Amino acid sequence: MSPGPGSAPDAHITVRGLSKAFGGAAVYERFDLDIARGEFVSVFGPNGCGKSTLINLIAGLIAADGGEVLFGGKTLAATKIGYVFQNYREALFPWLTAWNNIEYPLKLMKLAPRERRARVERLVARLGIKLDLARYPYELSGGQQQLVSILRALVVEPEVLFLDEPFSALDYEMTLFMREQLQRLFLETRTTTILVSHDLEEAVYLADRVLLLTRRPARIADDVLMRLARPRSDATLSDAHFVRLKGHCLEVFQHEVRKA
C-alpha cells in the first residue's frame, strides 16, 4: 500500500485530519503529523492539552471521531506496536514472573515456547540487562518494573514504540537511570518512538524532534529539531546548543500557557 495523500515520502507515521472531542469539547480538529521511520519524537505541552490523547489515538487505544492514521502506508491492524503505560504497577501481571510478563505478548502472537524463550533471551542479551527475571513484580523496584514493561513492549519487535510518561512515578535517581536505559534501547533498535513527557529537559534530551502543542483544540505550536549528537550524556545537559534548544522550547511553552 502506498502512503496516503499528502504524506511525506519518508514518513513512517502519517496522521491526517485527526479529530477528537470529549463531551462536546474538541481536543483535536483536523490535526496532521508526519513522523519518519527510526525517529524519536517527544510530545510536550500545557497540562490537559491532549498529549496522552494524541498517542492513544495514534495507537488505536482511543477511537478517533475523524481522520486517518497510517504506518508506512499500512493500517494499525497490520502494524506491530509496543506501548509502555505510565502506571507500570498496573501494567504488569502480579501473578507472573518478570520473564513471563515479558513473553506474554509472544503467547498472544501464538509463538512456540522455544521461539518465545529465544526472543526474550536475545533481547536481554542484546541490551545487557542484569536483572533476575525469575522474580515477581512485587519483588522488583519501581525502575526495574518499568524496565520489564519496556522489555515487554520491545520483545514483539515493534515497528513503533509508544511511551506515556513512563518515568513520572520514579524518583530522580531512578529517572536518570531509566533515561539512559531508554536511550540505549533506542540506539540498539532504532525503533520509531513517541514519548509523552511532562519534563521538558527529558523531552529535549531524548528526542530527535520535540512537538510543542497548544492548548485545546491542540495544534503544533512548534516542531523543534534536536540536532544533538548521540549518545547523549550528563555533559549534554550543559552543552550550549542543548541549553539554547531547551530555552526556546520553554519560551514557546510559556507563551501557550499564558494564553489561558
C-alpha atoms as a PDB file:
ATOM      1  CA  MET A   1       0.000   0.000   0.000  1.00  0.00           C
ATOM      2  CA  SER A   2       1.399   3.407  -0.895  1.00  0.00           C
ATOM      3  CA  PRO A   3       1.482   6.309   1.590  1.00  0.00           C
ATOM      4  CA  GLY A   4      -1.710   8.302   1.929  1.00  0.00           C
ATOM      5  CA  PRO A   5      -2.325  11.531   0.036  1.00  0.00           C
ATOM      6  CA  GLY A   6      -0.147  14.376   1.163  1.00  0.00           C
ATOM      7  CA  SER A   7       2.135  12.239   3.334  1.00  0.00           C
ATOM      8  CA  ALA A   8       5.877  12.848   3.424  1.00  0.00           C
ATOM      9  CA  PRO A   9       7.696  10.293   1.243  1.00  0.00           C
ATOM     10  CA  ASP A  10       9.824   9.002   4.155  1.00  0.00           C
ATOM     11  CA  ALA A  11       7.038   9.102   6.765  1.00  0.00           C
ATOM     12  CA  HIS A  12       6.579   6.045   8.958  1.00  0.00           C
ATOM     13  CA  ILE A  13       3.550   7.517  10.738  1.00  0.00           C
ATOM     14  CA  THR A  14       1.138   9.677   8.762  1.00  0.00           C
ATOM     15  CA  VAL A  15      -1.688  11.442  10.598  1.00  0.00           C
ATOM     16  CA  ARG A  16      -4.222  13.320   8.509  1.00  0.00           C
ATOM     17  CA  GLY A  17      -7.314  15.207   9.623  1.00  0.00           C
ATOM     18  CA  LEU A  18      -7.359  13.656  13.099  1.00  0.00           C
ATOM     19  CA  SER A  19     -10.319  14.868  15.147  1.00  0.00           C
ATOM     20  CA  LYS A  20     -11.477  14.017  18.660  1.00  0.00           C
ATOM     21  CA  ALA A  21     -13.854  15.623  21.145  1.00  0.00           C
ATOM     22  CA  PHE A  22     -14.875  14.698  24.685  1.00  0.00           C
ATOM     23  CA  GLY A  23     -18.227  15.942  25.959  1.00  0.00           C
ATOM     24  CA  GLY A  24     -18.539  18.278  23.011  1.00  0.00           C
ATOM     25  CA  ALA A  25     -15.144  19.923  23.685  1.00  0.00           C
ATOM     26  CA  ALA A  26     -12.681  19.464  20.829  1.00  0.00           C
ATOM     27  CA  VAL A  27      -9.236  18.113  21.733  1.00  0.00           C
ATOM     28  CA  TYR A  28      -8.056  17.769  18.120  1.00  0.00           C
ATOM     29  CA  GLU A  29      -9.547  19.224  14.951  1.00  0.00           C
ATOM     30  CA  ARG A  30      -8.150  18.175  11.552  1.00  0.00           C
ATOM     31  CA  PHE A  31      -4.721  17.529  13.073  1.00  0.00           C
ATOM     32  CA  ASP A  32      -1.864  16.499  10.736  1.00  0.00           C
ATOM     33  CA  LEU A  33       1.504  14.968  11.609  1.00  0.00           C
ATOM     34  CA  ASP A  34       4.350  13.044   9.926  1.00  0.00           C
ATOM     35  CA  ILE A  35       6.995  11.027  11.794  1.00  0.00           C
ATOM     36  CA  ALA A  36       9.927   9.479   9.940  1.00  0.00           C
ATOM     37  CA  ARG A  37      10.990   5.861  10.345  1.00  0.00           C
ATOM     38  CA  GLY A  38      13.508   5.422  13.141  1.00  0.00           C
ATOM     39  CA  GLU A  39      12.762   8.850  14.604  1.00  0.00           C
ATOM     40  CA  PHE A  40      12.371   9.606  18.322  1.00  0.00           C
ATOM     41  CA  VAL A  41       9.691  12.259  18.873  1.00  0.00           C
ATOM     42  CA  SER A  42       8.769  13.843  22.221  1.00  0.00           C
ATOM     43  CA  VAL A  43       5.366  15.449  22.768  1.00  0.00           C
ATOM     44  CA  PHE A  44       5.223  18.346  25.231  1.00  0.00           C
ATOM     45  CA  GLY A  45       2.635  20.979  26.069  1.00  0.00           C
ATOM     46  CA  PRO A  46       0.390  22.561  28.714  1.00  0.00           C
ATOM     47  CA  ASN A  47      -1.477  20.346  31.164  1.00  0.00           C
ATOM     48  CA  GLY A  48      -4.669  18.983  29.662  1.00  0.00           C
ATOM     49  CA  CYS A  49      -3.735  19.863  26.083  1.00  0.00           C
ATOM     50  CA  GLY A  50      -4.113  16.254  24.934  1.00  0.00           C
ATOM     51  CA  LYS A  51      -0.580  14.809  24.885  1.00  0.00           C
ATOM     52  CA  SER A  52      -1.584  11.332  26.051  1.00  0.00           C
ATOM     53  CA  THR A  53      -4.754  11.521  23.988  1.00  0.00           C
ATOM     54  CA  LEU A  54      -2.645  12.044  20.871  1.00  0.00           C
ATOM     55  CA  ILE A  55      -0.582   8.879  21.253  1.00  0.00           C
ATOM     56  CA  ASN A  56      -3.641   6.932  22.377  1.00  0.00           C
ATOM     57  CA  LEU A  57      -5.396   7.985  19.168  1.00  0.00           C
ATOM     58  CA  ILE A  58      -2.376   7.060  17.041  1.00  0.00           C
ATOM     59  CA  ALA A  59      -2.011   3.722  18.874  1.00  0.00           C
ATOM     60  CA  GLY A  60      -5.707   2.951  18.464  1.00  0.00           C
ATOM     61  CA  LEU A  61      -6.442   2.872  22.209  1.00  0.00           C
ATOM     62  CA  ILE A  62      -8.995   5.649  21.712  1.00  0.00           C
ATOM     63  CA  ALA A  63     -11.273   5.811  18.687  1.00  0.00           C
ATOM     64  CA  ALA A  64     -10.947   8.994  16.636  1.00  0.00           C
ATOM     65  CA  ASP A  65     -14.009  10.949  15.551  1.00  0.00           C
ATOM     66  CA  GLY A  66     -12.419  11.564  12.182  1.00  0.00           C
ATOM     67  CA  GLY A  67      -9.228  11.394  10.211  1.00  0.00           C
ATOM     68  CA  GLU A  68      -6.748   8.690   9.323  1.00  0.00           C
ATOM     69  CA  VAL A  69      -3.535   7.223  10.729  1.00  0.00           C
ATOM     70  CA  LEU A  70      -1.239   5.088   8.566  1.00  0.00           C
ATOM     71  CA  PHE A  71       2.030   3.349   9.413  1.00  0.00           C
ATOM     72  CA  GLY A  72       4.238   3.294   6.353  1.00  0.00           C
ATOM     73  CA  GLY A  73       1.051   3.194   4.312  1.00  0.00           C
ATOM     74  CA  LYS A  74      -0.325   0.312   6.420  1.00  0.00           C
ATOM     75  CA  THR A  75      -3.213   0.320   8.851  1.00  0.00           C
ATOM     76  CA  LEU A  76      -2.773  -0.127  12.602  1.00  0.00           C
ATOM     77  CA  ALA A  77      -4.049  -3.706  12.354  1.00  0.00           C
ATOM     78  CA  ALA A  78      -1.152  -4.556  10.035  1.00  0.00           C
ATOM     79  CA  THR A  79       1.455  -2.886  12.270  1.00  0.00           C
ATOM     80  CA  LYS A  80       3.252  -4.230  15.338  1.00  0.00           C
ATOM     81  CA  ILE A  81       3.305  -1.668  18.129  1.00  0.00           C
ATOM     82  CA  GLY A  82       4.650  -1.567  21.673  1.00  0.00           C
ATOM     83  CA  TYR A  83       3.153   0.588  24.422  1.00  0.00           C
ATOM     84  CA  VAL A  84       4.630   1.455  27.815  1.00  0.00           C
ATOM     85  CA  PHE A  85       2.000   2.817  30.170  1.00  0.00           C
ATOM     86  CA  GLN A  86       2.526   5.495  32.776  1.00  0.00           C
ATOM     87  CA  ASN A  87       1.385   3.275  35.655  1.00  0.00           C
ATOM     88  CA  TYR A  88       3.760   0.329  35.465  1.00  0.00           C
ATOM     89  CA  ARG A  89       2.369  -1.240  38.651  1.00  0.00           C
ATOM     90  CA  GLU A  90      -0.994  -1.745  36.995  1.00  0.00           C
ATOM     91  CA  ALA A  91       0.517  -2.658  33.627  1.00  0.00           C
ATOM     92  CA  LEU A  92       2.355  -5.782  34.849  1.00  0.00           C
ATOM     93  CA  PHE A  93       0.604  -9.010  35.832  1.00  0.00           C
ATOM     94  CA  PRO A  94       1.481  -9.548  39.533  1.00  0.00           C
ATOM     95  CA  TRP A  95       0.946 -13.318  39.337  1.00  0.00           C
ATOM     96  CA  LEU A  96       3.533 -13.706  36.562  1.00  0.00           C
ATOM     97  CA  THR A  97       7.315 -13.524  36.911  1.00  0.00           C
ATOM     98  CA  ALA A  98       9.199 -10.765  35.132  1.00  0.00           C
ATOM     99  CA  TRP A  99      10.171 -13.289  32.456  1.00  0.00           C
ATOM    100  CA  ASN A 100       6.581 -14.407  31.920  1.00  0.00           C
ATOM    101  CA  ASN A 101       5.408 -10.790  31.814  1.00  0.00           C
ATOM    102  CA  ILE A 102       7.935 -10.072  29.073  1.00  0.00           C
ATOM    103  CA  GLU A 103       6.996 -13.101  26.985  1.00  0.00           C
ATOM    104  CA  TYR A 104       3.226 -12.657  27.447  1.00  0.00           C
ATOM    105  CA  PRO A 105       2.606 -10.789  24.163  1.00  0.00           C
ATOM    106  CA  LEU A 106       4.519 -13.540  22.339  1.00  0.00           C
ATOM    107  CA  LYS A 107       1.956 -16.011  23.665  1.00  0.00           C
ATOM    108  CA  LEU A 108      -0.779 -13.822  22.202  1.00  0.00           C
ATOM    109  CA  MET A 109       1.115 -13.990  18.906  1.00  0.00           C
ATOM    110  CA  LYS A 110       0.931 -17.802  19.265  1.00  0.00           C
ATOM    111  CA  LEU A 111       4.681 -18.281  19.008  1.00  0.00           C
ATOM    112  CA  ALA A 112       6.034 -21.672  20.081  1.00  0.00           C
ATOM    113  CA  PRO A 113       7.649 -21.862  23.567  1.00  0.00           C
ATOM    114  CA  ARG A 114      11.117 -22.319  22.066  1.00  0.00           C
ATOM    115  CA  GLU A 115      10.757 -19.204  19.916  1.00  0.00           C
ATOM    116  CA  ARG A 116       9.376 -17.205  22.860  1.00  0.00           C
ATOM    117  CA  ARG A 117      12.367 -18.140  25.001  1.00  0.00           C
ATOM    118  CA  ALA A 118      14.791 -17.346  22.197  1.00  0.00           C
ATOM    119  CA  ARG A 119      13.210 -13.917  21.639  1.00  0.00           C
ATOM    120  CA  VAL A 120      13.418 -12.956  25.320  1.00  0.00           C
ATOM    121  CA  GLU A 121      16.968 -14.269  25.703  1.00  0.00           C
ATOM    122  CA  ARG A 122      18.082 -12.453  22.570  1.00  0.00           C
ATOM    123  CA  LEU A 123      16.614  -9.130  23.709  1.00  0.00           C
ATOM    124  CA  VAL A 124      18.019  -9.375  27.243  1.00  0.00           C
ATOM    125  CA  ALA A 125      21.475 -10.333  25.924  1.00  0.00           C
ATOM    126  CA  ARG A 126      21.477  -7.636  23.261  1.00  0.00           C
ATOM    127  CA  LEU A 127      20.769  -4.925  25.803  1.00  0.00           C
ATOM    128  CA  GLY A 128      22.962  -6.351  28.550  1.00  0.00           C
ATOM    129  CA  ILE A 129      20.138  -6.366  31.082  1.00  0.00           C
ATOM    130  CA  LYS A 130      21.279  -7.529  34.546  1.00  0.00           C
ATOM    131  CA  LEU A 131      18.024  -8.421  36.259  1.00  0.00           C
ATOM    132  CA  ASP A 132      16.665 -11.584  37.887  1.00  0.00           C
ATOM    133  CA  LEU A 133      13.716 -12.254  35.615  1.00  0.00           C
ATOM    134  CA  ALA A 134      12.533 -15.146  37.805  1.00  0.00           C
ATOM    135  CA  ARG A 135      11.325 -12.603  40.371  1.00  0.00           C
ATOM    136  CA  TYR A 136       7.762 -11.307  40.593  1.00  0.00           C
ATOM    137  CA  PRO A 137       6.895  -7.624  40.094  1.00  0.00           C
ATOM    138  CA  TYR A 138       6.398  -7.012  43.815  1.00  0.00           C
ATOM    139  CA  GLU A 139       9.995  -8.158  44.381  1.00  0.00           C
ATOM    140  CA  LEU A 140      11.368  -5.527  41.978  1.00  0.00           C
ATOM    141  CA  SER A 141      11.987  -1.815  42.414  1.00  0.00           C
ATOM    142  CA  GLY A 142       9.866   0.676  40.512  1.00  0.00           C
ATOM    143  CA  GLY A 143      12.618   1.241  37.955  1.00  0.00           C
ATOM    144  CA  GLN A 144      13.082  -2.493  37.471  1.00  0.00           C
ATOM    145  CA  GLN A 145       9.343  -2.947  36.959  1.00  0.00           C
ATOM    146  CA  GLN A 146       9.303  -0.231  34.338  1.00  0.00           C
ATOM    147  CA  LEU A 147      12.318  -1.807  32.646  1.00  0.00           C
ATOM    148  CA  VAL A 148      10.323  -5.055  32.466  1.00  0.00           C
ATOM    149  CA  SER A 149       7.442  -3.079  30.910  1.00  0.00           C
ATOM    150  CA  ILE A 150       9.791  -1.636  28.291  1.00  0.00           C
ATOM    151  CA  LEU A 151      11.244  -5.077  27.534  1.00  0.00           C
ATOM    152  CA  ARG A 152       7.729  -6.476  27.148  1.00  0.00           C
ATOM    153  CA  ALA A 153       6.911  -3.718  24.672  1.00  0.00           C
ATOM    154  CA  LEU A 154      10.121  -4.360  22.715  1.00  0.00           C
ATOM    155  CA  VAL A 155      10.056  -8.166  22.655  1.00  0.00           C
ATOM    156  CA  VAL A 156       7.434  -8.163  19.910  1.00  0.00           C
ATOM    157  CA  GLU A 157      10.000  -6.274  17.809  1.00  0.00           C
ATOM    158  CA  PRO A 158       7.582  -3.397  17.290  1.00  0.00           C
ATOM    159  CA  GLU A 159       7.639  -1.052  14.368  1.00  0.00           C
ATOM    160  CA  VAL A 160       6.504   1.777  16.662  1.00  0.00           C
ATOM    161  CA  LEU A 161       7.030   2.244  20.410  1.00  0.00           C
ATOM    162  CA  PHE A 162       4.702   4.483  22.446  1.00  0.00           C
ATOM    163  CA  LEU A 163       5.813   5.792  25.863  1.00  0.00           C
ATOM    164  CA  ASP A 164       3.267   7.619  28.017  1.00  0.00           C
ATOM    165  CA  GLU A 165       5.152   9.487  30.769  1.00  0.00           C
ATOM    166  CA  PRO A 166       6.984   6.269  31.660  1.00  0.00           C
ATOM    167  CA  PHE A 167       9.166   7.812  34.397  1.00  0.00           C
ATOM    168  CA  SER A 168       6.640  10.064  36.157  1.00  0.00           C
ATOM    169  CA  ALA A 169       6.319   7.836  39.243  1.00  0.00           C
ATOM    170  CA  LEU A 170      10.072   7.366  39.726  1.00  0.00           C
ATOM    171  CA  ASP A 171      12.468   9.316  41.928  1.00  0.00           C
ATOM    172  CA  TYR A 172      15.114  11.478  40.256  1.00  0.00           C
ATOM    173  CA  GLU A 173      17.939   8.960  40.613  1.00  0.00           C
ATOM    174  CA  MET A 174      15.889   6.194  39.014  1.00  0.00           C
ATOM    175  CA  THR A 175      14.623   8.594  36.344  1.00  0.00           C
ATOM    176  CA  LEU A 176      18.194   9.361  35.260  1.00  0.00           C
ATOM    177  CA  PHE A 177      18.974   5.641  35.147  1.00  0.00           C
ATOM    178  CA  MET A 178      15.876   4.881  33.083  1.00  0.00           C
ATOM    179  CA  ARG A 179      16.609   7.706  30.632  1.00  0.00           C
ATOM    180  CA  GLU A 180      19.973   6.112  29.923  1.00  0.00           C
ATOM    181  CA  GLN A 181      18.385   2.682  29.512  1.00  0.00           C
ATOM    182  CA  LEU A 182      15.808   4.084  27.108  1.00  0.00           C
ATOM    183  CA  GLN A 183      18.477   5.888  25.091  1.00  0.00           C
ATOM    184  CA  ARG A 184      20.453   2.654  24.872  1.00  0.00           C
ATOM    185  CA  LEU A 185      17.364   0.729  23.761  1.00  0.00           C
ATOM    186  CA  PHE A 186      16.724   3.287  21.050  1.00  0.00           C
ATOM    187  CA  LEU A 187      20.304   3.240  19.780  1.00  0.00           C
ATOM    188  CA  GLU A 188      20.231  -0.570  19.710  1.00  0.00           C
ATOM    189  CA  THR A 189      16.869  -0.973  17.963  1.00  0.00           C
ATOM    190  CA  ARG A 190      16.218   2.335  16.122  1.00  0.00           C
ATOM    191  CA  THR A 191      12.523   1.765  16.709  1.00  0.00           C
ATOM    192  CA  THR A 192      10.265   4.684  15.758  1.00  0.00           C
ATOM    193  CA  THR A 193       9.387   6.101  19.179  1.00  0.00           C
ATOM    194  CA  ILE A 194       6.863   8.623  20.502  1.00  0.00           C
ATOM    195  CA  LEU A 195       7.324   9.834  24.087  1.00  0.00           C
ATOM    196  CA  VAL A 196       4.810  11.886  26.048  1.00  0.00           C
ATOM    197  CA  SER A 197       6.618  13.739  28.814  1.00  0.00           C
ATOM    198  CA  HIS A 198       5.799  16.384  31.415  1.00  0.00           C
ATOM    199  CA  ASP A 199       9.529  17.064  31.888  1.00  0.00           C
ATOM    200  CA  LEU A 200      10.950  19.482  29.305  1.00  0.00           C
ATOM    201  CA  GLU A 201      14.577  18.560  29.979  1.00  0.00           C
ATOM    202  CA  GLU A 202      13.717  14.896  29.431  1.00  0.00           C
ATOM    203  CA  ALA A 203      11.769  15.646  26.258  1.00  0.00           C
ATOM    204  CA  VAL A 204      14.681  17.595  24.744  1.00  0.00           C
ATOM    205  CA  TYR A 205      17.387  15.219  25.972  1.00  0.00           C
ATOM    206  CA  LEU A 206      15.869  12.060  24.490  1.00  0.00           C
ATOM    207  CA  ALA A 207      14.303  13.228  21.239  1.00  0.00           C
ATOM    208  CA  ASP A 208      15.200  13.880  17.630  1.00  0.00           C
ATOM    209  CA  ARG A 209      12.209  16.239  17.499  1.00  0.00           C
ATOM    210  CA  VAL A 210      10.054  17.920  20.132  1.00  0.00           C
ATOM    211  CA  LEU A 211       6.440  18.640  19.236  1.00  0.00           C
ATOM    212  CA  LEU A 212       5.199  21.578  21.297  1.00  0.00           C
ATOM    213  CA  LEU A 213       1.415  21.597  21.468  1.00  0.00           C
ATOM    214  CA  THR A 214      -1.009  24.453  22.055  1.00  0.00           C
ATOM    215  CA  ARG A 215      -3.985  24.375  24.350  1.00  0.00           C
ATOM    216  CA  ARG A 216      -7.163  22.682  23.126  1.00  0.00           C
ATOM    217  CA  PRO A 217      -8.022  22.190  20.408  1.00  0.00           C
ATOM    218  CA  ALA A 218      -4.365  21.231  20.172  1.00  0.00           C
ATOM    219  CA  ARG A 219      -2.198  22.301  17.263  1.00  0.00           C
ATOM    220  CA  ILE A 220       1.560  22.144  16.827  1.00  0.00           C
ATOM    221  CA  ALA A 221       2.916  25.428  18.205  1.00  0.00           C
ATOM    222  CA  ASP A 222       6.437  24.470  17.118  1.00  0.00           C
ATOM    223  CA  ASP A 223       8.239  21.404  15.788  1.00  0.00           C
ATOM    224  CA  VAL A 224      11.830  21.665  17.030  1.00  0.00           C
ATOM    225  CA  LEU A 225      14.670  19.560  15.617  1.00  0.00           C
ATOM    226  CA  MET A 226      17.141  18.343  18.258  1.00  0.00           C
ATOM    227  CA  ARG A 227      20.440  18.310  16.386  1.00  0.00           C
ATOM    228  CA  LEU A 228      22.362  16.850  19.307  1.00  0.00           C
ATOM    229  CA  ALA A 229      24.917  14.066  18.917  1.00  0.00           C
ATOM    230  CA  ARG A 230      24.140  10.610  20.300  1.00  0.00           C
ATOM    231  CA  PRO A 231      24.771   9.001  22.645  1.00  0.00           C
ATOM    232  CA  ARG A 232      23.889  11.855  24.973  1.00  0.00           C
ATOM    233  CA  SER A 233      25.290  12.129  28.479  1.00  0.00           C
ATOM    234  CA  ASP A 234      25.335  14.357  31.552  1.00  0.00           C
ATOM    235  CA  ALA A 235      27.630  16.677  29.609  1.00  0.00           C
ATOM    236  CA  THR A 236      24.830  17.198  27.069  1.00  0.00           C
ATOM    237  CA  LEU A 237      22.729  18.944  29.727  1.00  0.00           C
ATOM    238  CA  SER A 238      25.239  21.786  29.988  1.00  0.00           C
ATOM    239  CA  ASP A 239      26.088  21.944  26.284  1.00  0.00           C
ATOM    240  CA  ALA A 240      25.396  25.424  24.898  1.00  0.00           C
ATOM    241  CA  HIS A 241      23.312  24.103  21.993  1.00  0.00           C
ATOM    242  CA  PHE A 242      21.199  21.957  24.340  1.00  0.00           C
ATOM    243  CA  VAL A 243      20.635  24.925  26.641  1.00  0.00           C
ATOM    244  CA  ARG A 244      19.527  27.099  23.679  1.00  0.00           C
ATOM    245  CA  LEU A 245      17.111  24.440  22.394  1.00  0.00           C
ATOM    246  CA  LYS A 246      15.633  23.885  25.833  1.00  0.00           C
ATOM    247  CA  GLY A 247      15.303  27.658  26.325  1.00  0.00           C
ATOM    248  CA  HIS A 248      13.485  28.023  23.010  1.00  0.00           C
ATOM    249  CA  CYS A 249      11.090  25.200  23.874  1.00  0.00           C
ATOM    250  CA  LEU A 250      10.439  26.754  27.287  1.00  0.00           C
ATOM    251  CA  GLU A 251       9.669  30.105  25.667  1.00  0.00           C
ATOM    252  CA  VAL A 252       7.148  28.518  23.276  1.00  0.00           C
ATOM    253  CA  PHE A 253       5.589  26.536  26.142  1.00  0.00           C
ATOM    254  CA  GLN A 254       5.243  29.603  28.374  1.00  0.00           C
ATOM    255  CA  HIS A 255       3.658  31.545  25.515  1.00  0.00           C
ATOM    256  CA  GLU A 256       0.995  28.830  25.219  1.00  0.00           C
ATOM    257  CA  VAL A 257       0.451  28.677  28.985  1.00  0.00           C
ATOM    258  CA  ARG A 258      -0.101  32.461  29.150  1.00  0.00           C
ATOM    259  CA  LYS A 259      -2.931  32.156  26.629  1.00  0.00           C
ATOM    260  CA  ALA A 260      -5.072  30.759  29.448  1.00  0.00           C
END
